[in-house]
Amino acid sequence: MASSTMKRWLKPEVYPLFAAVGVAVGICGMQLVRNICINPDVRVTKQNRSAGILENYEEGERYAEHMLRKYVRNKEPQIMPSINKFFSDPNLD
């Protein structure tokens, strides 16, 4: 019975769907862990929560300006710039 159930519900056509949902769940999990572990506004322990609101701008700036944002900042907002240039540049031979 397990084999017939697997053949019925686990078709090769749905593998990309499983992959997309898996990536989405992974991104959500990564963001959750990132916020809990290194966000300066989140305080998990009772001792840290009693501190109230901290004016810690340097730590907040470090959190907001992470490596991915620094990498993408000076890039062109294109998915495939070489293909776009190939099809849009009339001087390209």
PDB file of N, CA and C in Angstrom:
ATOM      1  N   MET A   1       0.816  -1.195   0.000  1.00  0.00           N
ATOM      2  CA  MET A   1       0.000   0.000   0.000  1.00  0.00           C
ATOM      3  C   MET A   1       0.863   1.264   0.000  1.00  0.00           C
ATOM      4  N   ALA A   2       1.974   1.227   0.702  1.00  0.00           N
ATOM      5  CA  ALA A   2       2.832   2.405   0.750  1.00  0.00           C
ATOM      6  C   ALA A   2       3.388   2.730  -0.629  1.00  0.00           C
ATOM      7  N   SER A   3       3.692   1.708  -1.396  1.00  0.00           N
ATOM      8  CA  SER A   3       4.244   1.930  -2.718  1.00  0.00           C
ATOM      9  C   SER A   3       3.211   2.579  -3.643  1.00  0.00           C
ATOM     10  N   SER A   4       1.976   2.108  -3.598  1.00  0.00           N
ATOM     11  CA  SER A   4       0.938   2.689  -4.455  1.00  0.00           C
ATOM     12  C   SER A   4       0.617   4.120  -4.039  1.00  0.00           C
ATOM     13  N   THR A   5       0.663   4.388  -2.749  1.00  0.00           N
ATOM     14  CA  THR A   5       0.428   5.751  -2.275  1.00  0.00           C
ATOM     15  C   THR A   5       1.537   6.684  -2.734  1.00  0.00           C
ATOM     16  N   MET A   6       2.762   6.209  -2.678  1.00  0.00           N
ATOM     17  CA  MET A   6       3.883   7.033  -3.127  1.00  0.00           C
ATOM     18  C   MET A   6       3.788   7.295  -4.630  1.00  0.00           C
ATOM     19  N   LYS A   7       3.378   6.293  -5.409  1.00  0.00           N
ATOM     20  CA  LYS A   7       3.249   6.486  -6.854  1.00  0.00           C
ATOM     21  C   LYS A   7       2.122   7.462  -7.175  1.00  0.00           C
ATOM     22  N   ARG A   8       1.081   7.453  -6.370  1.00  0.00           N
ATOM     23  CA  ARG A   8      -0.045   8.325  -6.633  1.00  0.00           C
ATOM     24  C   ARG A   8       0.265   9.777  -6.264  1.00  0.00           C
ATOM     25  N   TRP A   9       0.937  10.013  -5.155  1.00  0.00           N
ATOM     26  CA  TRP A   9       1.123  11.368  -4.646  1.00  0.00           C
ATOM     27  C   TRP A   9       2.485  11.967  -4.941  1.00  0.00           C
ATOM     28  N   LEU A  10       3.465  11.162  -5.229  1.00  0.00           N
ATOM     29  CA  LEU A  10       4.815  11.689  -5.438  1.00  0.00           C
ATOM     30  C   LEU A  10       5.211  11.505  -6.893  1.00  0.00           C
ATOM     31  N   LYS A  11       4.621  12.321  -7.745  1.00  0.00           N
ATOM     32  CA  LYS A  11       4.896  12.252  -9.177  1.00  0.00           C
ATOM     33  C   LYS A  11       6.061  13.165  -9.512  1.00  0.00           C
ATOM     34  N   PRO A  12       6.824  12.842 -10.544  1.00  0.00           N
ATOM     35  CA  PRO A  12       7.970  13.689 -10.922  1.00  0.00           C
ATOM     36  C   PRO A  12       7.574  15.113 -11.309  1.00  0.00           C
ATOM     37  N   GLU A  13       6.347  15.314 -11.724  1.00  0.00           N
ATOM     38  CA  GLU A  13       5.911  16.656 -12.119  1.00  0.00           C
ATOM     39  C   GLU A  13       5.871  17.632 -10.950  1.00  0.00           C
ATOM     40  N   VAL A  14       5.744  17.111  -9.733  1.00  0.00           N
ATOM     41  CA  VAL A  14       5.633  18.007  -8.584  1.00  0.00           C
ATOM     42  C   VAL A  14       6.970  18.248  -7.888  1.00  0.00           C
ATOM     43  N   TYR A  15       8.043  17.649  -8.366  1.00  0.00           N
ATOM     44  CA  TYR A  15       9.360  17.881  -7.757  1.00  0.00           C
ATOM     45  C   TYR A  15       9.755  19.357  -7.764  1.00  0.00           C
ATOM     46  N   PRO A  16       9.560  20.096  -8.869  1.00  0.00           N
ATOM     47  CA  PRO A  16       9.891  21.535  -8.818  1.00  0.00           C
ATOM     48  C   PRO A  16       9.073  22.300  -7.781  1.00  0.00           C
ATOM     49  N   LEU A  17       7.817  21.890  -7.600  1.00  0.00           N
ATOM     50  CA  LEU A  17       6.985  22.529  -6.584  1.00  0.00           C
ATOM     51  C   LEU A  17       7.539  22.268  -5.191  1.00  0.00           C
ATOM     52  N   PHE A  18       7.927  21.021  -4.931  1.00  0.00           N
ATOM     53  CA  PHE A  18       8.550  20.700  -3.648  1.00  0.00           C
ATOM     54  C   PHE A  18       9.833  21.502  -3.446  1.00  0.00           C
ATOM     55  N   ALA A  19      10.618  21.646  -4.510  1.00  0.00           N
ATOM     56  CA  ALA A  19      11.867  22.408  -4.400  1.00  0.00           C
ATOM     57  C   ALA A  19      11.581  23.877  -4.095  1.00  0.00           C
ATOM     58  N   ALA A  20      10.603  24.466  -4.783  1.00  0.00           N
ATOM     59  CA  ALA A  20      10.279  25.878  -4.557  1.00  0.00           C
ATOM     60  C   ALA A  20       9.756  26.105  -3.146  1.00  0.00           C
ATOM     61  N   VAL A  21       8.889  25.221  -2.689  1.00  0.00           N
ATOM     62  CA  VAL A  21       8.357  25.354  -1.326  1.00  0.00           C
ATOM     63  C   VAL A  21       9.470  25.125  -0.308  1.00  0.00           C
ATOM     64  N   GLY A  22      10.359  24.178  -0.586  1.00  0.00           N
ATOM     65  CA  GLY A  22      11.483  23.935   0.322  1.00  0.00           C
ATOM     66  C   GLY A  22      12.408  25.131   0.432  1.00  0.00           C
ATOM     67  N   VAL A  23      12.689  25.783  -0.710  1.00  0.00           N
ATOM     68  CA  VAL A  23      13.528  26.980  -0.685  1.00  0.00           C
ATOM     69  C   VAL A  23      12.840  28.099   0.087  1.00  0.00           C
ATOM     70  N   ALA A  24      11.541  28.268  -0.132  1.00  0.00           N
ATOM     71  CA  ALA A  24      10.788  29.320   0.588  1.00  0.00           C
ATOM     72  C   ALA A  24      10.797  29.067   2.088  1.00  0.00           C
ATOM     73  N   VAL A  25      10.591  27.819   2.499  1.00  0.00           N
ATOM     74  CA  VAL A  25      10.625  27.491   3.926  1.00  0.00           C
ATOM     75  C   VAL A  25      12.029  27.709   4.486  1.00  0.00           C
ATOM     76  N   GLY A  26      13.052  27.372   3.706  1.00  0.00           N
ATOM     77  CA  GLY A  26      14.429  27.598   4.148  1.00  0.00           C
ATOM     78  C   GLY A  26      14.737  29.076   4.340  1.00  0.00           C
ATOM     79  N   ILE A  27      14.278  29.912   3.411  1.00  0.00           N
ATOM     80  CA  ILE A  27      14.502  31.362   3.528  1.00  0.00           C
ATOM     81  C   ILE A  27      13.781  31.910   4.759  1.00  0.00           C
ATOM     82  N   CYS A  28      12.546  31.464   4.974  1.00  0.00           N
ATOM     83  CA  CYS A  28      11.803  31.918   6.163  1.00  0.00           C
ATOM     84  C   CYS A  28      12.497  31.475   7.442  1.00  0.00           C
ATOM     85  N   GLY A  29      12.962  30.244   7.476  1.00  0.00           N
ATOM     86  CA  GLY A  29      13.674  29.750   8.654  1.00  0.00           C
ATOM     87  C   GLY A  29      14.962  30.510   8.897  1.00  0.00           C
ATOM     88  N   MET A  30      15.705  30.805   7.814  1.00  0.00           N
ATOM     89  CA  MET A  30      16.945  31.562   7.958  1.00  0.00           C
ATOM     90  C   MET A  30      16.667  32.956   8.518  1.00  0.00           C
ATOM     91  N   GLN A  31      15.621  33.612   8.015  1.00  0.00           N
ATOM     92  CA  GLN A  31      15.282  34.952   8.502  1.00  0.00           C
ATOM     93  C   GLN A  31      14.835  34.911   9.959  1.00  0.00           C
ATOM     94  N   LEU A  32      14.104  33.883  10.326  1.00  0.00           N
ATOM     95  CA  LEU A  32      13.679  33.729  11.718  1.00  0.00           C
ATOM     96  C   LEU A  32      14.875  33.575  12.640  1.00  0.00           C
ATOM     97  N   VAL A  33      15.798  32.709  12.273  1.00  0.00           N
ATOM     98  CA  VAL A  33      16.997  32.500  13.094  1.00  0.00           C
ATOM     99  C   VAL A  33      17.844  33.761  13.126  1.00  0.00           C
ATOM    100  N   ARG A  34      17.955  34.448  11.983  1.00  0.00           N
ATOM    101  CA  ARG A  34      18.740  35.692  11.928  1.00  0.00           C
ATOM    102  C   ARG A  34      18.145  36.741  12.862  1.00  0.00           C
ATOM    103  N   ASN A  35      16.824  36.879  12.839  1.00  0.00           N
ATOM    104  CA  ASN A  35      16.186  37.874  13.699  1.00  0.00           C
ATOM    105  C   ASN A  35      16.316  37.522  15.173  1.00  0.00           C
ATOM    106  N   ILE A  36      16.149  36.260  15.513  1.00  0.00           N
ATOM    107  CA  ILE A  36      16.239  35.874  16.923  1.00  0.00           C
ATOM    108  C   ILE A  36      17.672  35.992  17.441  1.00  0.00           C
ATOM    109  N   CYS A  37      18.627  35.636  16.616  1.00  0.00           N
ATOM    110  CA  CYS A  37      20.018  35.573  17.099  1.00  0.00           C
ATOM    111  C   CYS A  37      20.743  36.920  17.078  1.00  0.00           C
ATOM    112  N   ILE A  38      20.587  37.710  16.001  1.00  0.00           N
ATOM    113  CA  ILE A  38      21.450  38.887  15.891  1.00  0.00           C
ATOM    114  C   ILE A  38      20.716  40.216  15.760  1.00  0.00           C
ATOM    115  N   ASN A  39      19.392  40.228  15.770  1.00  0.00           N
ATOM    116  CA  ASN A  39      18.674  41.489  15.690  1.00  0.00           C
ATOM    117  C   ASN A  39      18.820  42.235  17.015  1.00  0.00           C
ATOM    118  N   PRO A  40      19.280  43.487  16.980  1.00  0.00           N
ATOM    119  CA  PRO A  40      19.479  44.218  18.231  1.00  0.00           C
ATOM    120  C   PRO A  40      18.166  44.583  18.931  1.00  0.00           C
ATOM    121  N   ASP A  41      17.043  44.556  18.226  1.00  0.00           N
ATOM    122  CA  ASP A  41      15.766  44.896  18.844  1.00  0.00           C
ATOM    123  C   ASP A  41      15.079  43.710  19.505  1.00  0.00           C
ATOM    124  N   VAL A  42      15.542  42.503  19.253  1.00  0.00           N
ATOM    125  CA  VAL A  42      14.922  41.307  19.814  1.00  0.00           C
ATOM    126  C   VAL A  42      15.717  40.869  21.037  1.00  0.00           C
ATOM    127  N   ARG A  43      15.013  40.732  22.148  1.00  0.00           N
ATOM    128  CA  ARG A  43      15.653  40.282  23.386  1.00  0.00           C
ATOM    129  C   ARG A  43      14.903  39.066  23.886  1.00  0.00           C
ATOM    130  N   VAL A  44      15.573  37.923  23.916  1.00  0.00           N
ATOM    131  CA  VAL A  44      14.919  36.666  24.263  1.00  0.00           C
ATOM    132  C   VAL A  44      14.962  36.420  25.763  1.00  0.00           C
ATOM    133  N   THR A  45      16.072  36.704  26.395  1.00  0.00           N
ATOM    134  CA  THR A  45      16.191  36.412  27.820  1.00  0.00           C
ATOM    135  C   THR A  45      15.525  37.493  28.661  1.00  0.00           C
ATOM    136  N   LYS A  46      15.068  37.111  29.826  1.00  0.00           N
ATOM    137  CA  LYS A  46      14.370  38.035  30.720  1.00  0.00           C
ATOM    138  C   LYS A  46      15.303  39.164  31.171  1.00  0.00           C
ATOM    139  N   GLN A  47      16.554  38.847  31.374  1.00  0.00           N
ATOM    140  CA  GLN A  47      17.530  39.835  31.811  1.00  0.00           C
ATOM    141  C   GLN A  47      17.702  40.940  30.763  1.00  0.00           C
ATOM    142  N   ASN A  48      17.768  40.559  29.498  1.00  0.00           N
ATOM    143  CA  ASN A  48      17.930  41.553  28.432  1.00  0.00           C
ATOM    144  C   ASN A  48      16.648  42.340  28.188  1.00  0.00           C
ATOM    145  N   ARG A  49      15.496  41.702  28.380  1.00  0.00           N
ATOM    146  CA  ARG A  49      14.229  42.407  28.173  1.00  0.00           C
ATOM    147  C   ARG A  49      14.022  43.506  29.199  1.00  0.00           C
ATOM    148  N   SER A  50      14.554  43.341  30.387  1.00  0.00           N
ATOM    149  CA  SER A  50      14.365  44.350  31.418  1.00  0.00           C
ATOM    150  C   SER A  50      15.176  45.616  31.149  1.00  0.00           C
ATOM    151  N   ALA A  51      16.097  45.566  30.183  1.00  0.00           N
ATOM    152  CA  ALA A  51      16.926  46.728  29.873  1.00  0.00           C
ATOM    153  C   ALA A  51      16.129  47.835  29.194  1.00  0.00           C
ATOM    154  N   GLY A  52      14.983  47.504  28.599  1.00  0.00           N
ATOM    155  CA  GLY A  52      14.175  48.515  27.935  1.00  0.00           C
ATOM    156  C   GLY A  52      14.708  48.824  26.545  1.00  0.00           C
ATOM    157  N   ILE A  53      14.440  50.028  26.088  1.00  0.00           N
ATOM    158  CA  ILE A  53      14.868  50.437  24.747  1.00  0.00           C
ATOM    159  C   ILE A  53      16.286  50.974  24.827  1.00  0.00           C
ATOM    160  N   LEU A  54      17.165  50.389  24.024  1.00  0.00           N
ATOM    161  CA  LEU A  54      18.559  50.821  23.996  1.00  0.00           C
ATOM    162  C   LEU A  54      18.790  51.720  22.785  1.00  0.00           C
ATOM    163  N   GLU A  55      19.567  52.734  22.963  1.00  0.00           N
ATOM    164  CA  GLU A  55      19.953  53.620  21.866  1.00  0.00           C
ATOM    165  C   GLU A  55      21.285  53.139  21.316  1.00  0.00           C
ATOM    166  N   ASN A  56      21.252  52.030  20.622  1.00  0.00           N
ATOM    167  CA  ASN A  56      22.462  51.408  20.105  1.00  0.00           C
ATOM    168  C   ASN A  56      22.424  51.475  18.578  1.00  0.00           C
ATOM    169  N   TYR A  57      22.765  52.632  18.038  1.00  0.00           N
ATOM    170  CA  TYR A  57      22.651  52.845  16.600  1.00  0.00           C
ATOM    171  C   TYR A  57      23.707  52.083  15.810  1.00  0.00           C
ATOM    172  N   GLU A  58      24.892  51.901  16.368  1.00  0.00           N
ATOM    173  CA  GLU A  58      25.956  51.196  15.638  1.00  0.00           C
ATOM    174  C   GLU A  58      25.574  49.742  15.393  1.00  0.00           C
ATOM    175  N   GLU A  59      25.039  49.090  16.397  1.00  0.00           N
ATOM    176  CA  GLU A  59      24.642  47.695  16.231  1.00  0.00           C
ATOM    177  C   GLU A  59      23.473  47.579  15.252  1.00  0.00           C
ATOM    178  N   GLY A  60      22.540  48.504  15.307  1.00  0.00           N
ATOM    179  CA  GLY A  60      21.431  48.508  14.362  1.00  0.00           C
ATOM    180  C   GLY A  60      21.889  48.742  12.938  1.00  0.00           C
ATOM    181  N   GLU A  61      22.844  49.621  12.761  1.00  0.00           N
ATOM    182  CA  GLU A  61      23.404  49.875  11.432  1.00  0.00           C
ATOM    183  C   GLU A  61      24.122  48.646  10.895  1.00  0.00           C
ATOM    184  N   ARG A  62      24.854  47.954  11.748  1.00  0.00           N
ATOM    185  CA  ARG A  62      25.538  46.712  11.330  1.00  0.00           C
ATOM    186  C   ARG A  62      24.539  45.655  10.928  1.00  0.00           C
ATOM    187  N   TYR A  63      23.422  45.572  11.641  1.00  0.00           N
ATOM    188  CA  TYR A  63      22.395  44.579  11.324  1.00  0.00           C
ATOM    189  C   TYR A  63      21.710  44.915  10.002  1.00  0.00           C
ATOM    190  N   ALA A  64      21.399  46.189   9.790  1.00  0.00           N
ATOM    191  CA  ALA A  64      20.674  46.589   8.586  1.00  0.00           C
ATOM    192  C   ALA A  64      21.551  46.526   7.339  1.00  0.00           C
ATOM    193  N   GLU A  65      22.808  46.825   7.470  1.00  0.00           N
ATOM    194  CA  GLU A  65      23.722  46.818   6.317  1.00  0.00           C
ATOM    195  C   GLU A  65      24.492  45.502   6.269  1.00  0.00           C
ATOM    196  N   HIS A  66      23.775  44.429   5.998  1.00  0.00           N
ATOM    197  CA  HIS A  66      24.409  43.112   5.968  1.00  0.00           C
ATOM    198  C   HIS A  66      25.143  42.906   4.643  1.00  0.00           C
ATOM    199  N   MET A  67      25.830  41.765   4.514  1.00  0.00           N
ATOM    200  CA  MET A  67      26.709  41.517   3.367  1.00  0.00           C
ATOM    201  C   MET A  67      25.951  41.479   2.036  1.00  0.00           C
ATOM    202  N   LEU A  68      24.767  40.896   2.015  1.00  0.00           N
ATOM    203  CA  LEU A  68      24.017  40.825   0.758  1.00  0.00           C
ATOM    204  C   LEU A  68      23.627  42.216   0.284  1.00  0.00           C
ATOM    205  N   ARG A  69      23.196  43.066   1.193  1.00  0.00           N
ATOM    206  CA  ARG A  69      22.823  44.426   0.806  1.00  0.00           C
ATOM    207  C   ARG A  69      24.038  45.202   0.299  1.00  0.00           C
ATOM    208  N   LYS A  70      25.192  45.018   0.921  1.00  0.00           N
ATOM    209  CA  LYS A  70      26.402  45.694   0.452  1.00  0.00           C
ATOM    210  C   LYS A  70      26.809  45.194  -0.930  1.00  0.00           C
ATOM    211  N   TYR A  71      26.624  43.897  -1.189  1.00  0.00           N
ATOM    212  CA  TYR A  71      26.986  43.323  -2.481  1.00  0.00           C
ATOM    213  C   TYR A  71      26.073  43.831  -3.592  1.00  0.00           C
ATOM    214  N   VAL A  72      24.786  43.941  -3.315  1.00  0.00           N
ATOM    215  CA  VAL A  72      23.807  44.301  -4.338  1.00  0.00           C
ATOM    216  C   VAL A  72      23.733  45.805  -4.563  1.00  0.00           C
ATOM    217  N   ARG A  73      24.224  46.587  -3.654  1.00  0.00           N
ATOM    218  CA  ARG A  73      24.056  48.041  -3.707  1.00  0.00           C
ATOM    219  C   ARG A  73      24.556  48.649  -5.021  1.00  0.00           C
ATOM    220  N   ASN A  74      25.705  48.264  -5.521  1.00  0.00           N
ATOM    221  CA  ASN A  74      26.282  48.880  -6.712  1.00  0.00           C
ATOM    222  C   ASN A  74      26.048  48.065  -7.980  1.00  0.00           C
ATOM    223  N   LYS A  75      25.179  47.087  -7.929  1.00  0.00           N
ATOM    224  CA  LYS A  75      24.884  46.269  -9.103  1.00  0.00           C
ATOM    225  C   LYS A  75      23.715  46.865  -9.871  1.00  0.00           C
ATOM    226  N   GLU A  76      23.689  46.583 -11.186  1.00  0.00           N
ATOM    227  CA  GLU A  76      22.555  47.012 -11.986  1.00  0.00           C
ATOM    228  C   GLU A  76      21.348  46.133 -11.658  1.00  0.00           C
ATOM    229  N   PRO A  77      20.150  46.706 -11.629  1.00  0.00           N
ATOM    230  CA  PRO A  77      18.968  45.907 -11.285  1.00  0.00           C
ATOM    231  C   PRO A  77      18.466  45.087 -12.480  1.00  0.00           C
ATOM    232  N   GLN A  78      19.295  44.169 -12.955  1.00  0.00           N
ATOM    233  CA  GLN A  78      18.941  43.317 -14.075  1.00  0.00           C
ATOM    234  C   GLN A  78      19.213  41.876 -13.702  1.00  0.00           C
ATOM    235  N   ILE A  79      18.411  40.981 -14.226  1.00  0.00           N
ATOM    236  CA  ILE A  79      18.606  39.566 -13.933  1.00  0.00           C
ATOM    237  C   ILE A  79      19.719  38.997 -14.800  1.00  0.00           C
ATOM    238  N   MET A  80      19.717  39.298 -16.086  1.00  0.00           N
ATOM    239  CA  MET A  80      20.754  38.807 -17.005  1.00  0.00           C
ATOM    240  C   MET A  80      21.297  39.980 -17.806  1.00  0.00           C
ATOM    241  N   PRO A  81      22.234  40.744 -17.250  1.00  0.00           N
ATOM    242  CA  PRO A  81      22.696  41.948 -17.939  1.00  0.00           C
ATOM    243  C   PRO A  81      23.376  41.677 -19.272  1.00  0.00           C
ATOM    244  N   SER A  82      24.095  40.578 -19.407  1.00  0.00           N
ATOM    245  CA  SER A  82      24.782  40.323 -20.676  1.00  0.00           C
ATOM    246  C   SER A  82      23.779  40.039 -21.790  1.00  0.00           C
ATOM    247  N   ILE A  83      22.720  39.320 -21.502  1.00  0.00           N
ATOM    248  CA  ILE A  83      21.699  39.053 -22.523  1.00  0.00           C
ATOM    249  C   ILE A  83      20.935  40.332 -22.851  1.00  0.00           C
ATOM    250  N   ASN A  84      20.630  41.133 -21.841  1.00  0.00           N
ATOM    251  CA  ASN A  84      19.943  42.407 -22.088  1.00  0.00           C
ATOM    252  C   ASN A  84      20.795  43.322 -22.961  1.00  0.00           C
ATOM    253  N   LYS A  85      22.087  43.360 -22.693  1.00  0.00           N
ATOM    254  CA  LYS A  85      22.984  44.206 -23.485  1.00  0.00           C
ATOM    255  C   LYS A  85      23.078  43.688 -24.909  1.00  0.00           C
ATOM    256  N   PHE A  86      23.125  42.379 -25.074  1.00  0.00           N
ATOM    257  CA  PHE A  86      23.224  41.781 -26.401  1.00  0.00           C
ATOM    258  C   PHE A  86      22.032  42.138 -27.273  1.00  0.00           C
ATOM    259  N   PHE A  87      20.826  42.095 -26.710  1.00  0.00           N
ATOM    260  CA  PHE A  87      19.628  42.354 -27.486  1.00  0.00           C
ATOM    261  C   PHE A  87      19.271  43.831 -27.571  1.00  0.00           C
ATOM    262  N   SER A  88      19.797  44.681 -26.721  1.00  0.00           N
ATOM    263  CA  SER A  88      19.394  46.085 -26.748  1.00  0.00           C
ATOM    264  C   SER A  88      20.463  47.026 -27.294  1.00  0.00           C
ATOM    265  N   ASP A  89      21.711  46.603 -27.383  1.00  0.00           N
ATOM    266  CA  ASP A  89      22.786  47.480 -27.851  1.00  0.00           C
ATOM    267  C   ASP A  89      22.929  47.349 -29.370  1.00  0.00           C
ATOM    268  N   PRO A  90      22.597  48.416 -30.134  1.00  0.00           N
ATOM    269  CA  PRO A  90      22.689  48.313 -31.609  1.00  0.00           C
ATOM    270  C   PRO A  90      24.137  48.294 -32.112  1.00  0.00           C
ATOM    271  N   ASN A  91      25.083  48.781 -31.319  1.00  0.00           N
ATOM    272  CA  ASN A  91      26.480  48.846 -31.753  1.00  0.00           C
ATOM    273  C   ASN A  91      27.239  47.545 -31.519  1.00  0.00           C
ATOM    274  N   LEU A  92      26.631  46.601 -30.857  1.00  0.00           N
ATOM    275  CA  LEU A  92      27.277  45.335 -30.555  1.00  0.00           C
ATOM    276  C   LEU A  92      27.248  44.449 -31.801  1.00  0.00           C
ATOM    277  N   ASP A  93      28.407  44.006 -32.236  1.00  0.00           N
ATOM    278  CA  ASP A  93      28.466  43.173 -33.458  1.00  0.00           C
ATOM    279  C   ASP A  93      28.554  41.727 -33.112  1.00  0.00           C
TER     280      ASP A  93
END
